[in-house]
């Protein structure tokens, strides 16, 4: 069964950090470019980062550039998203993607 499972979300104060992880099963991530997107209530889905299958190229949305860092570990079949200097506007459900597959999401709430 093809599956992506996110973890690591939670409640954090503004300025804090979280690290999201995504584990894949039934699919070899090294065949795909992978990424993260988020969706806040009442807002459209926002792609925030993507990384090429080799890991050589990574891109970020302007809204997270300089604060978020995405990485992948093809040997472990995982990807991660390190989020620093979090802001209330980063509050959303975060999803990892590989090709057309995405996970169930993990909630990130930034609030004091």
C-alpha atoms as a PDB file:
ATOM      1  CA  UNK A   1       0.000   0.000   0.000  1.00  0.00           C
ATOM      2  CA  UNK A   2       1.341   3.395  -1.007  1.00  0.00           C
ATOM      3  CA  UNK A   3       1.387   5.637   2.007  1.00  0.00           C
ATOM      4  CA  UNK A   4       2.908   8.832   3.353  1.00  0.00           C
ATOM      5  CA  UNK A   5       2.618   9.581   7.058  1.00  0.00           C
ATOM      6  CA  UNK A   6       3.473  12.959   8.548  1.00  0.00           C
ATOM      7  CA  UNK A   7       4.460  13.541  12.172  1.00  0.00           C
ATOM      8  CA  UNK A   8       5.910  16.249  14.348  1.00  0.00           C
ATOM      9  CA  UNK A   9       3.163  18.836  14.349  1.00  0.00           C
ATOM     10  CA  UNK A  10       1.948  20.579  17.466  1.00  0.00           C
ATOM     11  CA  UNK A  11       1.503  23.834  19.305  1.00  0.00           C
ATOM     12  CA  UNK A  12       4.441  26.229  19.436  1.00  0.00           C
ATOM     13  CA  UNK A  13       4.889  29.836  20.463  1.00  0.00           C
ATOM     14  CA  UNK A  14       5.767  32.501  17.916  1.00  0.00           C
ATOM     15  CA  UNK A  15       9.484  32.414  17.231  1.00  0.00           C
ATOM     16  CA  UNK A  16       9.707  28.748  18.075  1.00  0.00           C
ATOM     17  CA  UNK A  17      10.680  25.758  15.976  1.00  0.00           C
ATOM     18  CA  UNK A  18       9.205  22.457  14.891  1.00  0.00           C
ATOM     19  CA  UNK A  19      10.507  19.641  12.768  1.00  0.00           C
ATOM     20  CA  UNK A  20       8.041  17.721  10.631  1.00  0.00           C
ATOM     21  CA  UNK A  21       8.833  14.280   9.306  1.00  0.00           C
ATOM     22  CA  UNK A  22       7.252  12.217   6.562  1.00  0.00           C
ATOM     23  CA  UNK A  23       7.733   8.481   6.256  1.00  0.00           C
ATOM     24  CA  UNK A  24       6.899   6.633   3.061  1.00  0.00           C
ATOM     25  CA  UNK A  25       5.829   3.027   2.677  1.00  0.00           C
ATOM     26  CA  UNK A  26       5.055   1.085  -0.450  1.00  0.00           C
ATOM     27  CA  UNK A  27       6.784   3.685  -2.558  1.00  0.00           C
ATOM     28  CA  UNK A  28      10.441   4.471  -3.113  1.00  0.00           C
ATOM     29  CA  UNK A  29      10.844   8.202  -2.645  1.00  0.00           C
ATOM     30  CA  UNK A  30      14.052   8.324  -4.649  1.00  0.00           C
ATOM     31  CA  UNK A  31      11.946   8.004  -7.788  1.00  0.00           C
ATOM     32  CA  UNK A  32      10.139  11.253  -7.086  1.00  0.00           C
ATOM     33  CA  UNK A  33      10.498  14.896  -6.495  1.00  0.00           C
ATOM     34  CA  UNK A  34       8.935  15.463  -3.082  1.00  0.00           C
ATOM     35  CA  UNK A  35       7.516  18.437  -1.279  1.00  0.00           C
ATOM     36  CA  UNK A  36       5.377  19.976   1.419  1.00  0.00           C
ATOM     37  CA  UNK A  37       2.281  22.070   1.192  1.00  0.00           C
ATOM     38  CA  UNK A  38      -0.011  23.533   3.813  1.00  0.00           C
ATOM     39  CA  UNK A  39      -3.597  24.561   4.088  1.00  0.00           C
ATOM     40  CA  UNK A  40      -5.040  26.913   6.644  1.00  0.00           C
ATOM     41  CA  UNK A  41      -8.777  27.085   7.396  1.00  0.00           C
ATOM     42  CA  UNK A  42     -10.607  29.026   4.735  1.00  0.00           C
ATOM     43  CA  UNK A  43      -7.498  29.397   2.611  1.00  0.00           C
ATOM     44  CA  UNK A  44      -6.219  27.747  -0.531  1.00  0.00           C
ATOM     45  CA  UNK A  45      -3.554  25.086  -0.503  1.00  0.00           C
ATOM     46  CA  UNK A  46      -0.090  26.646  -0.486  1.00  0.00           C
ATOM     47  CA  UNK A  47       2.947  24.752  -1.801  1.00  0.00           C
ATOM     48  CA  UNK A  48       5.850  25.700   0.450  1.00  0.00           C
ATOM     49  CA  UNK A  49       8.818  23.580  -0.571  1.00  0.00           C
ATOM     50  CA  UNK A  50       9.968  20.956  -2.997  1.00  0.00           C
ATOM     51  CA  UNK A  51      13.144  19.022  -3.550  1.00  0.00           C
ATOM     52  CA  UNK A  52      14.313  17.102  -6.592  1.00  0.00           C
ATOM     53  CA  UNK A  53      14.646  13.324  -6.618  1.00  0.00           C
ATOM     54  CA  UNK A  54      18.421  13.604  -6.239  1.00  0.00           C
ATOM     55  CA  UNK A  55      18.178  16.260  -3.551  1.00  0.00           C
ATOM     56  CA  UNK A  56      20.302  18.598  -5.631  1.00  0.00           C
ATOM     57  CA  UNK A  57      17.624  21.250  -6.093  1.00  0.00           C
ATOM     58  CA  UNK A  58      15.341  22.694  -3.427  1.00  0.00           C
ATOM     59  CA  UNK A  59      12.823  25.490  -3.761  1.00  0.00           C
ATOM     60  CA  UNK A  60      10.789  27.399  -1.207  1.00  0.00           C
ATOM     61  CA  UNK A  61       7.814  29.706  -1.226  1.00  0.00           C
ATOM     62  CA  UNK A  62       8.680  33.294  -0.433  1.00  0.00           C
ATOM     63  CA  UNK A  63       6.540  33.050   2.700  1.00  0.00           C
ATOM     64  CA  UNK A  64       8.908  30.497   4.280  1.00  0.00           C
ATOM     65  CA  UNK A  65      12.224  31.184   2.578  1.00  0.00           C
ATOM     66  CA  UNK A  66      15.028  31.620   5.088  1.00  0.00           C
ATOM     67  CA  UNK A  67      12.978  30.081   7.905  1.00  0.00           C
ATOM     68  CA  UNK A  68      12.128  26.580   6.663  1.00  0.00           C
ATOM     69  CA  UNK A  69      14.551  23.932   5.467  1.00  0.00           C
ATOM     70  CA  UNK A  70      13.485  20.794   3.671  1.00  0.00           C
ATOM     71  CA  UNK A  71      15.586  17.667   3.402  1.00  0.00           C
ATOM     72  CA  UNK A  72      15.215  14.111   2.224  1.00  0.00           C
ATOM     73  CA  UNK A  73      16.880  10.833   3.111  1.00  0.00           C
ATOM     74  CA  UNK A  74      16.356   8.398   0.272  1.00  0.00           C
ATOM     75  CA  UNK A  75      18.070   5.611   2.191  1.00  0.00           C
ATOM     76  CA  UNK A  76      15.512   5.901   4.984  1.00  0.00           C
ATOM     77  CA  UNK A  77      12.673   6.748   2.599  1.00  0.00           C
ATOM     78  CA  UNK A  78      11.840   9.863   4.563  1.00  0.00           C
ATOM     79  CA  UNK A  79      11.698  13.616   4.191  1.00  0.00           C
ATOM     80  CA  UNK A  80      11.608  16.366   6.762  1.00  0.00           C
ATOM     81  CA  UNK A  81      10.797  20.031   7.157  1.00  0.00           C
ATOM     82  CA  UNK A  82      12.659  22.075   9.753  1.00  0.00           C
ATOM     83  CA  UNK A  83      10.613  25.133  10.607  1.00  0.00           C
ATOM     84  CA  UNK A  84      12.253  27.982  12.525  1.00  0.00           C
ATOM     85  CA  UNK A  85      11.101  31.453  13.535  1.00  0.00           C
ATOM     86  CA  UNK A  86       7.510  30.331  13.320  1.00  0.00           C
ATOM     87  CA  UNK A  87       4.779  32.935  12.972  1.00  0.00           C
ATOM     88  CA  UNK A  88       1.055  32.760  13.715  1.00  0.00           C
ATOM     89  CA  UNK A  89       0.418  32.874   9.971  1.00  0.00           C
ATOM     90  CA  UNK A  90       2.255  29.551   9.649  1.00  0.00           C
ATOM     91  CA  UNK A  91      -0.664  27.876  11.413  1.00  0.00           C
ATOM     92  CA  UNK A  92      -2.060  25.241   9.056  1.00  0.00           C
ATOM     93  CA  UNK A  93      -2.271  21.544   8.336  1.00  0.00           C
ATOM     94  CA  UNK A  94       0.971  20.480   6.700  1.00  0.00           C
ATOM     95  CA  UNK A  95       1.111  17.710   4.108  1.00  0.00           C
ATOM     96  CA  UNK A  96       4.001  15.931   2.452  1.00  0.00           C
ATOM     97  CA  UNK A  97       3.790  14.868  -1.169  1.00  0.00           C
ATOM     98  CA  UNK A  98       5.564  12.498  -3.526  1.00  0.00           C
ATOM     99  CA  UNK A  99       4.312  12.635  -7.078  1.00  0.00           C
ATOM    100  CA  UNK A 100       0.516  12.542  -6.858  1.00  0.00           C
ATOM    101  CA  UNK A 101       0.552  10.977  -3.390  1.00  0.00           C
ATOM    102  CA  UNK A 102       0.104  12.976  -0.195  1.00  0.00           C
ATOM    103  CA  UNK A 103      -0.238  12.162   3.467  1.00  0.00           C
ATOM    104  CA  UNK A 104      -3.069  12.794   5.888  1.00  0.00           C
ATOM    105  CA  UNK A 105      -1.491  15.932   7.253  1.00  0.00           C
ATOM    106  CA  UNK A 106      -0.239  17.143  10.619  1.00  0.00           C
ATOM    107  CA  UNK A 107      -1.527  20.227  12.420  1.00  0.00           C
ATOM    108  CA  UNK A 108       0.861  23.052  13.222  1.00  0.00           C
ATOM    109  CA  UNK A 109      -0.443  25.809  15.468  1.00  0.00           C
ATOM    110  CA  UNK A 110       1.635  28.867  16.248  1.00  0.00           C
ATOM    111  CA  UNK A 111       0.149  30.819  19.110  1.00  0.00           C
ATOM    112  CA  UNK A 112       1.083  32.429  22.387  1.00  0.00           C
END
